Amino acid sequence: MNPLLIVLFVILGVLFIISLYGSFIRWNASRVTIWFSLKKLDINKPMEEYARLLLDENGLVDVEVKKCGFFASMFVGNTYSVSKKIIKLSWGTARRSTATNLAVVCRLVGLAKMHADGVKGLRLVEFNRWFGWLPMLLLPLMIVGLILDLVLAESIGTWTIALTGVGLAIALISFIISAIAASRYIKACNVGQSLILDMGILQEAEEKRIKKLFSAWKKLVVLQVIINAFEAIYFLLKLIFSSFKLIRR
């Protein structure tokens, strides 16, 4: 059997195992998030007030907290704008005192603190939020290339290889961006968790909920980066294998 085929099968097998583990991680993260969203905290204040309190406690008085309307919540809610220094909370997050919402607020304040401390690459967190779908262009580009080759009667598959290469380049760049964004996201989780625990406003049981929630989120973002990496390697090897087949003809 062709050595390249063996490598491809091995990668497919690893991807399958990771996908199974990933399904469990996603299920667990969703379960923890939903469960803690239903549990109200003993602190009975809107989350936007705690966002303001955390910001002021850490000298971030120039950072604004804004509650989004119902429709804006679906698109720009629960984000930190590096350029405008604004924490935007969705309508649901701002109004309910739950462990999940508090963790979201802490993570956003963590990003604001990292920004004030001069941490680089925070804009990539925003970029990845809006353009994380870019790797999905790979398959459409491959199909367009194949159609062009068929229409133009290109026997060597020039367009297929070229557009697949473009799609792969986009996927690789997106992977690098997502990896950097993930590292900043994880650090924001760690900073946010430390901020809220240092305030000493939570009960012991509530602190455990916050830690579990942050842990689930960090595992989820790391898993996504790993899956993206294996997918990029798989498509790269597939492109190389297809090129070898075309050259031998």
Foldseek 3Di string as FASTA:
>chain_A
DDPLVVVLVVLVVVLVVLVVVLVVLVVVLVVLLVVQLPDAFPPPAFLLVVLCVLCVVLVNNVAAEAEDDAVVCVPPALAADLVRNYGYHYPSLRNTHTLNSLLSSLLRSLLSVCSVVPPPLQVLLVVCVVCVCLLVVLVVQLVVLVVVCVVVVPLLSPSNLVSNVVSLVSLVVSLVSLVSSLVSSLSSSVRSLVSVVVVVPGDPVSNVSNVSNSVSVNVNSVSVSVSSVSVSVSSVSVSVVSNVVSVVD
